[in-house]
Amino acid sequence: MARLELKNVTKRFGEFVAVNDLSLIVEDGSFCALLGPSGCGKSTLLRIIAGLEEADVGQILIDGVDVTHVHPAERGTAMVFQSYALYPHLTVADNIGFPLSVAGAGKEATAKRVQEISQLLKLEELLSRKPGQLSGGQRQRVAIGRALVREPKIFLFDEPLSNLDALLRVQMRLELAKLHRQLPTTKIYVTHDQVEAMTLADKIVVMSKGEIAQVGSPLELYQKPSNRFVGSFIGSPAMNFFDCATLDTKKGRVTLQNGAELDMRGSNAQPTSIGVRPEHLYICDSKRKDAIGTGHISLIERLGALSYAYIDSDLGELAIQVDPSSEIKVGDRVEFGVMKDQALYF
């Protein structure tokens, strides 16, 4: 296992700044996800850690040792690629054992280690097959096995599940979670899928335009996003946002664009907008008089245990979590309110 530290790392491609003065610490044994939209710099950062790209500025330290200019093979890292990158002419056993063969390990030692890895990843019955005879999930397990065989200090995953269908992604997430419990080696996992990040990682680094937007646990990022970008990127459906029209700090009231007021006493914020999760909005019944807006239901998304109503309202388009047994329907005019103390101020 190993502790990773990045100090003021910057990487440019011509005029484009892919990573901008980024500093980060990943503790020993942590499962850290780099999360963000396409083009935010997360894969570039992973390649810099691996040594496949060289930083223009900054340092990479593993267990306190500066590896900024160390050859990739000597950093103690192993990378699992999005495309699997398996050798099509080699068997599963030979693909897994290839890094040891290149390093000059003996046949007996390599075979023993391949057997250990194949048992861990449930690949024993596939060792004689070639990649073309495997499913996507099996190929990905082989790619992970090839990374494991060298016993690296740090595992690097570059969107390893993006080529799999939805069911296989769920299965592989479970496999990766189990693997981390069995082998709590430091892992850095790049993804644009927040579900992957939230379910696998104990630490998430949200990136935007080459910089860190926020670092925290999955729950921290969901409950206490530090800015509007993080609030909008984490959560599905996305957080609802309402622009503020006026703010009365003495009375602790904020007025929204439609004239509705919200009580924000207890908050020190000077907000320009307010964010509310879909589960923290509710559709008002005739007995309640605390509505902040009104609109017409444009879509109802029924997902079994959960349902969401999408509303064209006087505060813009928004999503509200509703009771799956609710009798509301598309076209209904409804009023909605905010649960007490659940608004976030930006």
Protein backbone atom coordinates (compact mmCIF):
# COMPACT_ATOMS: atom_id res chain seq x y z
CA MET A 1 0.00 0.00 0.00
CA ALA A 2 1.10 3.60 -0.50
CA ARG A 3 0.33 7.23 0.14
CA LEU A 4 0.13 9.45 -2.94
CA GLU A 5 0.77 13.18 -2.88
CA LEU A 6 0.45 15.59 -5.81
CA LYS A 7 1.97 19.04 -5.42
CA ASN A 8 0.95 21.91 -7.71
CA VAL A 9 0.67 19.71 -10.80
CA THR A 10 0.05 21.49 -14.11
CA LYS A 11 -0.23 19.97 -17.58
CA ARG A 12 -0.77 21.87 -20.83
CA PHE A 13 -1.41 20.68 -24.37
CA GLY A 14 -0.50 23.74 -26.39
CA GLU A 15 -2.77 26.55 -25.22
CA PHE A 16 -5.14 24.14 -23.46
CA VAL A 17 -4.59 23.68 -19.72
CA ALA A 18 -5.67 20.11 -18.92
CA VAL A 19 -4.61 20.17 -15.24
CA ASN A 20 -4.11 23.47 -13.45
CA ASP A 21 -1.95 23.81 -10.29
CA LEU A 22 -3.58 20.77 -8.68
CA SER A 23 -2.58 19.48 -5.23
CA LEU A 24 -4.03 16.35 -3.65
CA ILE A 25 -3.27 13.73 -0.99
CA VAL A 26 -4.60 10.17 -1.27
CA GLU A 27 -4.06 8.28 1.96
CA ASP A 28 -2.63 4.78 2.21
CA GLY A 29 -5.33 2.16 1.50
CA SER A 30 -7.91 4.66 0.27
CA PHE A 31 -10.24 4.06 -2.69
CA CYS A 32 -10.24 7.48 -4.34
CA ALA A 33 -12.42 8.37 -7.33
CA LEU A 34 -11.60 11.19 -9.75
CA LEU A 35 -15.04 12.28 -10.89
CA GLY A 36 -16.06 14.85 -13.45
CA PRO A 37 -17.42 15.50 -16.94
CA SER A 38 -15.52 14.65 -20.11
CA GLY A 39 -12.56 16.98 -20.66
CA CYS A 40 -12.15 17.99 -17.00
CA GLY A 41 -8.61 16.54 -16.79
CA LYS A 42 -9.20 13.41 -14.72
CA SER A 43 -7.72 10.90 -17.20
CA THR A 44 -4.77 13.20 -17.87
CA LEU A 45 -4.12 13.38 -14.14
CA LEU A 46 -4.24 9.58 -13.87
CA ARG A 47 -1.75 9.24 -16.73
CA ILE A 48 0.56 11.74 -14.99
CA ILE A 49 0.44 9.61 -11.83
CA ALA A 50 1.24 6.52 -13.91
CA GLY A 51 4.08 8.30 -15.72
CA LEU A 52 2.44 7.99 -19.14
CA GLU A 53 2.27 11.79 -19.32
CA GLU A 54 4.83 14.17 -17.85
CA ALA A 55 3.67 17.14 -15.80
CA ASP A 56 4.89 20.53 -16.98
CA VAL A 57 5.02 21.74 -13.38
CA GLY A 58 4.70 20.03 -10.00
CA GLN A 59 5.67 16.87 -8.14
CA ILE A 60 4.31 13.34 -7.71
CA LEU A 61 5.31 11.60 -4.49
CA ILE A 62 4.60 7.98 -3.53
CA ASP A 63 5.31 7.19 0.12
CA GLY A 64 7.27 10.43 0.30
CA VAL A 65 9.54 9.54 -2.62
CA ASP A 66 9.56 11.93 -5.59
CA VAL A 67 8.68 9.86 -8.68
CA THR A 68 7.97 12.81 -10.98
CA HIS A 69 10.66 11.75 -13.44
CA VAL A 70 10.78 8.04 -12.63
CA HIS A 71 10.01 5.55 -15.43
CA PRO A 72 6.41 4.20 -15.30
CA ALA A 73 7.58 0.61 -14.72
CA GLU A 74 9.55 1.67 -11.64
CA ARG A 75 6.83 3.68 -9.86
CA GLY A 76 5.05 0.74 -8.27
CA THR A 77 1.77 1.51 -10.03
CA ALA A 78 -0.41 -0.68 -12.25
CA MET A 79 -3.08 0.60 -14.63
CA VAL A 80 -6.34 -0.93 -15.85
CA PHE A 81 -7.40 0.67 -19.12
CA GLN A 82 -10.86 1.36 -20.49
CA SER A 83 -10.09 -0.77 -23.57
CA TYR A 84 -8.74 -3.74 -21.50
CA ALA A 85 -5.55 -3.71 -23.69
CA LEU A 86 -5.23 -7.51 -23.64
CA TYR A 87 -2.96 -9.40 -26.05
CA PRO A 88 -5.37 -11.24 -28.39
CA HIS A 89 -2.91 -14.02 -29.28
CA LEU A 90 -2.19 -14.94 -25.63
CA THR A 91 -4.31 -17.05 -23.30
CA VAL A 92 -5.86 -15.63 -20.15
CA ALA A 93 -3.06 -17.22 -18.10
CA ASP A 94 -0.37 -15.70 -20.33
CA ASN A 95 -2.06 -12.27 -20.28
CA ILE A 96 -2.19 -12.26 -16.49
CA GLY A 97 1.38 -13.51 -16.15
CA PHE A 98 2.85 -11.28 -18.86
CA PRO A 99 4.16 -8.52 -16.51
CA LEU A 100 6.04 -11.13 -14.47
CA SER A 101 7.49 -12.74 -17.59
CA VAL A 102 8.76 -9.37 -18.80
CA ALA A 103 10.29 -8.76 -15.36
CA GLY A 104 12.22 -12.03 -15.65
CA ALA A 105 10.28 -14.11 -13.12
CA GLY A 106 10.65 -17.88 -13.38
CA LYS A 107 7.94 -20.06 -14.90
CA GLU A 108 7.05 -21.74 -11.62
CA ALA A 109 6.77 -18.46 -9.70
CA THR A 110 4.69 -16.93 -12.50
CA ALA A 111 2.34 -19.93 -12.70
CA LYS A 112 1.85 -19.90 -8.92
CA ARG A 113 1.03 -16.20 -8.89
CA VAL A 114 -1.32 -16.53 -11.89
CA GLN A 115 -3.16 -19.32 -10.06
CA GLU A 116 -3.56 -17.14 -6.95
CA ILE A 117 -4.94 -14.24 -8.98
CA SER A 118 -7.27 -16.45 -11.03
CA GLN A 119 -8.78 -17.87 -7.82
CA LEU A 120 -9.26 -14.37 -6.39
CA LEU A 121 -11.03 -13.17 -9.56
CA LYS A 122 -12.85 -16.46 -10.30
CA LEU A 123 -10.99 -16.99 -13.58
CA GLU A 124 -9.71 -20.55 -12.99
CA GLU A 125 -11.91 -22.09 -15.70
CA LEU A 126 -10.92 -19.46 -18.27
CA LEU A 127 -7.12 -19.67 -18.08
CA SER A 128 -6.73 -21.54 -21.37
CA ARG A 129 -9.04 -19.27 -23.35
CA LYS A 130 -8.06 -16.26 -25.43
CA PRO A 131 -9.60 -12.76 -25.07
CA GLY A 132 -11.80 -13.21 -28.15
CA GLN A 133 -13.58 -16.06 -26.39
CA LEU A 134 -14.50 -13.97 -23.33
CA SER A 135 -17.37 -11.65 -22.44
CA GLY A 136 -16.74 -7.99 -21.65
CA GLY A 137 -16.92 -8.60 -17.90
CA GLN A 138 -14.50 -11.53 -18.13
CA ARG A 139 -12.03 -9.46 -20.17
CA GLN A 140 -12.16 -6.74 -17.58
CA ARG A 141 -11.43 -9.23 -14.81
CA VAL A 142 -8.43 -10.47 -16.80
CA ALA A 143 -7.20 -6.87 -17.20
CA ILE A 144 -7.55 -6.37 -13.43
CA GLY A 145 -5.73 -9.67 -12.85
CA ARG A 146 -2.82 -8.52 -15.00
CA ALA A 147 -2.56 -5.40 -12.85
CA LEU A 148 -2.82 -7.39 -9.61
CA VAL A 149 -0.13 -9.92 -10.51
CA ARG A 150 2.70 -7.43 -9.97
CA GLU A 151 1.48 -6.52 -6.46
CA PRO A 152 1.73 -2.77 -7.12
CA LYS A 153 1.62 -0.08 -4.46
CA ILE A 154 -1.14 1.83 -6.26
CA PHE A 155 -3.85 0.64 -8.67
CA LEU A 156 -4.98 3.08 -11.35
CA PHE A 157 -8.34 2.52 -13.09
CA ASP A 158 -9.22 4.58 -16.19
CA GLU A 159 -13.02 4.27 -16.64
CA PRO A 160 -12.76 0.45 -16.62
CA LEU A 161 -16.51 -0.21 -16.77
CA SER A 162 -17.57 2.24 -19.47
CA ASN A 163 -17.56 -0.40 -22.24
CA LEU A 164 -19.88 -2.76 -20.35
CA ASP A 165 -23.67 -2.88 -20.52
CA ALA A 166 -25.75 -1.70 -17.55
CA LEU A 167 -26.15 -5.10 -15.87
CA LEU A 168 -22.46 -5.97 -16.21
CA ARG A 169 -21.48 -2.57 -14.78
CA VAL A 170 -23.52 -3.31 -11.65
CA GLN A 171 -21.93 -6.75 -11.32
CA MET A 172 -18.41 -5.41 -11.84
CA ARG A 173 -18.98 -2.65 -9.28
CA LEU A 174 -19.78 -5.34 -6.74
CA GLU A 175 -16.68 -7.29 -7.78
CA LEU A 176 -14.45 -4.22 -7.41
CA ALA A 177 -15.94 -3.40 -4.00
CA LYS A 178 -15.26 -6.96 -2.81
CA LEU A 179 -11.76 -6.82 -4.27
CA HIS A 180 -10.96 -3.66 -2.33
CA ARG A 181 -12.08 -5.29 0.93
CA GLN A 182 -9.84 -8.27 0.19
CA LEU A 183 -6.91 -6.19 -1.07
CA PRO A 184 -7.07 -2.74 0.58
CA THR A 185 -4.31 -1.35 -1.64
CA THR A 186 -4.49 2.33 -2.58
CA LYS A 187 -6.76 2.68 -5.62
CA ILE A 188 -7.41 5.69 -7.85
CA TYR A 189 -10.42 5.33 -10.09
CA VAL A 190 -11.35 7.68 -12.93
CA THR A 191 -15.02 7.88 -13.91
CA HIS A 192 -17.66 10.30 -15.19
CA ASP A 193 -20.36 8.09 -13.62
CA GLN A 194 -21.34 9.42 -10.21
CA VAL A 195 -23.00 6.11 -9.26
CA GLU A 196 -19.68 4.31 -9.66
CA ALA A 197 -17.89 6.95 -7.62
CA MET A 198 -20.51 7.07 -4.87
CA THR A 199 -20.75 3.28 -4.46
CA LEU A 200 -17.06 2.39 -4.72
CA ALA A 201 -15.00 5.24 -3.29
CA ASP A 202 -14.42 6.38 0.26
CA LYS A 203 -12.99 9.64 -1.11
CA ILE A 204 -14.20 11.49 -4.20
CA VAL A 205 -12.32 14.26 -5.99
CA VAL A 206 -14.76 16.24 -8.14
CA MET A 207 -12.91 17.95 -11.00
CA SER A 208 -13.93 20.77 -13.30
CA LYS A 209 -11.82 22.42 -16.01
CA GLY A 210 -8.57 20.92 -14.75
CA GLU A 211 -9.09 21.94 -11.14
CA ILE A 212 -10.52 20.39 -7.99
CA ALA A 213 -14.05 21.59 -7.30
CA GLN A 214 -14.38 19.68 -4.01
CA VAL A 215 -12.92 16.69 -2.15
CA GLY A 216 -14.94 14.65 0.33
CA SER A 217 -16.73 11.44 1.16
CA PRO A 218 -19.75 10.50 -0.99
CA LEU A 219 -22.15 11.63 1.75
CA GLU A 220 -20.34 14.95 2.28
CA LEU A 221 -20.50 15.79 -1.41
CA TYR A 222 -24.18 14.91 -1.59
CA GLN A 223 -25.29 16.69 1.57
CA LYS A 224 -22.86 19.63 1.64
CA PRO A 225 -21.69 20.56 -1.85
CA SER A 226 -19.36 23.55 -1.58
CA ASN A 227 -20.47 25.13 -4.86
CA ARG A 228 -23.21 24.98 -7.45
CA PHE A 229 -21.18 22.82 -9.87
CA VAL A 230 -20.74 20.02 -7.32
CA GLY A 231 -24.38 20.31 -6.27
CA SER A 232 -25.52 19.89 -9.87
CA PHE A 233 -23.07 17.11 -10.78
CA ILE A 234 -23.70 14.88 -7.75
CA GLY A 235 -27.18 13.39 -7.52
CA SER A 236 -29.69 11.95 -9.98
CA PRO A 237 -32.03 13.56 -10.83
CA ALA A 238 -29.92 16.68 -10.51
CA MET A 239 -30.38 19.26 -7.78
CA ASN A 240 -33.02 21.95 -8.46
CA PHE A 241 -31.79 25.56 -8.47
CA PHE A 242 -33.79 28.73 -7.82
CA ASP A 243 -32.31 32.18 -8.45
CA CYS A 244 -32.60 34.72 -5.67
CA ALA A 245 -34.25 38.06 -6.43
CA THR A 246 -33.66 39.89 -3.14
CA LEU A 247 -32.11 39.11 0.23
CA ASP A 248 -33.12 40.56 3.63
CA THR A 249 -30.38 39.51 6.05
CA LYS A 250 -32.01 41.28 9.02
CA LYS A 251 -35.19 39.27 8.71
CA GLY A 252 -33.37 36.17 7.45
CA ARG A 253 -35.57 35.99 4.36
CA VAL A 254 -34.73 35.44 0.73
CA THR A 255 -37.15 36.26 -2.10
CA LEU A 256 -37.21 34.06 -5.19
CA GLN A 257 -37.83 35.17 -8.76
CA ASN A 258 -41.56 34.41 -8.52
CA GLY A 259 -41.97 36.49 -5.34
CA ALA A 260 -42.06 33.56 -2.90
CA GLU A 261 -40.05 33.88 0.30
CA LEU A 262 -37.88 31.36 2.13
CA ASP A 263 -36.77 31.53 5.75
CA MET A 264 -32.99 31.21 5.89
CA ARG A 265 -32.39 32.11 9.54
CA GLY A 266 -29.45 30.21 10.95
CA SER A 267 -27.51 30.49 7.70
CA ASN A 268 -24.64 32.95 7.24
CA ALA A 269 -24.83 32.68 3.44
CA GLN A 270 -25.25 35.60 1.04
CA PRO A 271 -26.84 33.49 -1.68
CA THR A 272 -27.40 34.29 -5.33
CA SER A 273 -29.12 30.93 -5.84
CA ILE A 274 -30.71 28.18 -3.77
CA GLY A 275 -30.37 24.44 -4.36
CA VAL A 276 -32.89 21.81 -3.29
CA ARG A 277 -32.66 18.04 -3.84
CA PRO A 278 -35.73 16.38 -5.44
CA GLU A 279 -36.44 14.48 -2.20
CA HIS A 280 -36.53 17.75 -0.24
CA LEU A 281 -39.36 19.23 -2.31
CA TYR A 282 -42.95 18.08 -1.87
CA ILE A 283 -46.25 18.59 -3.61
CA CYS A 284 -48.61 20.53 -1.35
CA ASP A 285 -52.04 19.24 -0.51
CA SER A 286 -55.06 21.47 0.08
CA LYS A 287 -54.38 21.66 3.83
CA ARG A 288 -50.90 23.18 3.53
CA LYS A 289 -50.31 26.87 2.84
CA ASP A 290 -46.51 26.83 2.55
CA ALA A 291 -46.11 26.53 -1.22
CA ILE A 292 -43.24 28.40 -2.87
CA GLY A 293 -44.29 27.78 -6.46
CA THR A 294 -46.73 26.26 -8.89
CA GLY A 295 -46.59 24.48 -12.23
CA HIS A 296 -47.81 21.67 -14.46
CA ILE A 297 -46.48 18.11 -14.43
CA SER A 298 -44.75 17.36 -17.73
CA LEU A 299 -43.46 13.85 -16.98
CA ILE A 300 -43.67 11.19 -14.29
CA GLU A 301 -40.73 8.80 -14.04
CA ARG A 302 -41.69 5.62 -12.20
CA LEU A 303 -38.67 3.61 -11.03
CA GLY A 304 -40.30 1.01 -8.82
CA ALA A 305 -39.64 2.05 -5.22
CA LEU A 306 -39.04 5.66 -6.30
CA SER A 307 -40.95 8.02 -8.57
CA TYR A 308 -40.11 11.52 -9.79
CA ALA A 309 -42.44 14.19 -11.12
CA TYR A 310 -40.94 16.73 -13.52
CA ILE A 311 -42.66 20.10 -13.38
CA ASP A 312 -42.72 23.16 -15.64
CA SER A 313 -43.04 25.76 -12.90
CA ASP A 314 -42.87 29.48 -12.27
CA LEU A 315 -39.34 28.80 -10.92
CA GLY A 316 -38.23 26.86 -13.97
CA GLU A 317 -38.09 23.14 -14.71
CA LEU A 318 -37.64 21.00 -11.62
CA ALA A 319 -37.84 17.42 -10.33
CA ILE A 320 -39.68 16.30 -7.19
CA GLN A 321 -39.57 12.87 -5.59
CA VAL A 322 -43.15 11.65 -5.12
CA ASP A 323 -44.90 8.67 -3.55
CA PRO A 324 -45.03 5.85 -6.15
CA SER A 325 -48.68 5.28 -5.22
CA SER A 326 -49.57 8.93 -5.82
CA GLU A 327 -52.48 9.54 -8.18
CA ILE A 328 -50.95 12.65 -9.78
CA LYS A 329 -50.69 12.51 -13.56
CA VAL A 330 -49.14 14.37 -16.46
CA GLY A 331 -50.90 17.71 -17.05
CA ASP A 332 -51.96 18.22 -13.41
CA ARG A 333 -51.42 21.67 -11.94
CA VAL A 334 -49.67 21.41 -8.58
CA GLU A 335 -48.14 23.59 -5.88
CA PHE A 336 -44.88 22.62 -4.21
CA GLY A 337 -42.91 23.50 -1.10
CA VAL A 338 -39.47 22.96 0.48
CA MET A 339 -38.87 20.79 3.54
CA LYS A 340 -37.70 22.79 6.54
CA ASP A 341 -33.93 23.45 6.72
CA GLN A 342 -33.20 21.44 3.57
CA ALA A 343 -32.36 24.30 1.18
CA LEU A 344 -28.69 24.83 0.27
CA TYR A 345 -27.43 28.35 -0.38
CA PHE A 346 -24.91 29.18 -3.09
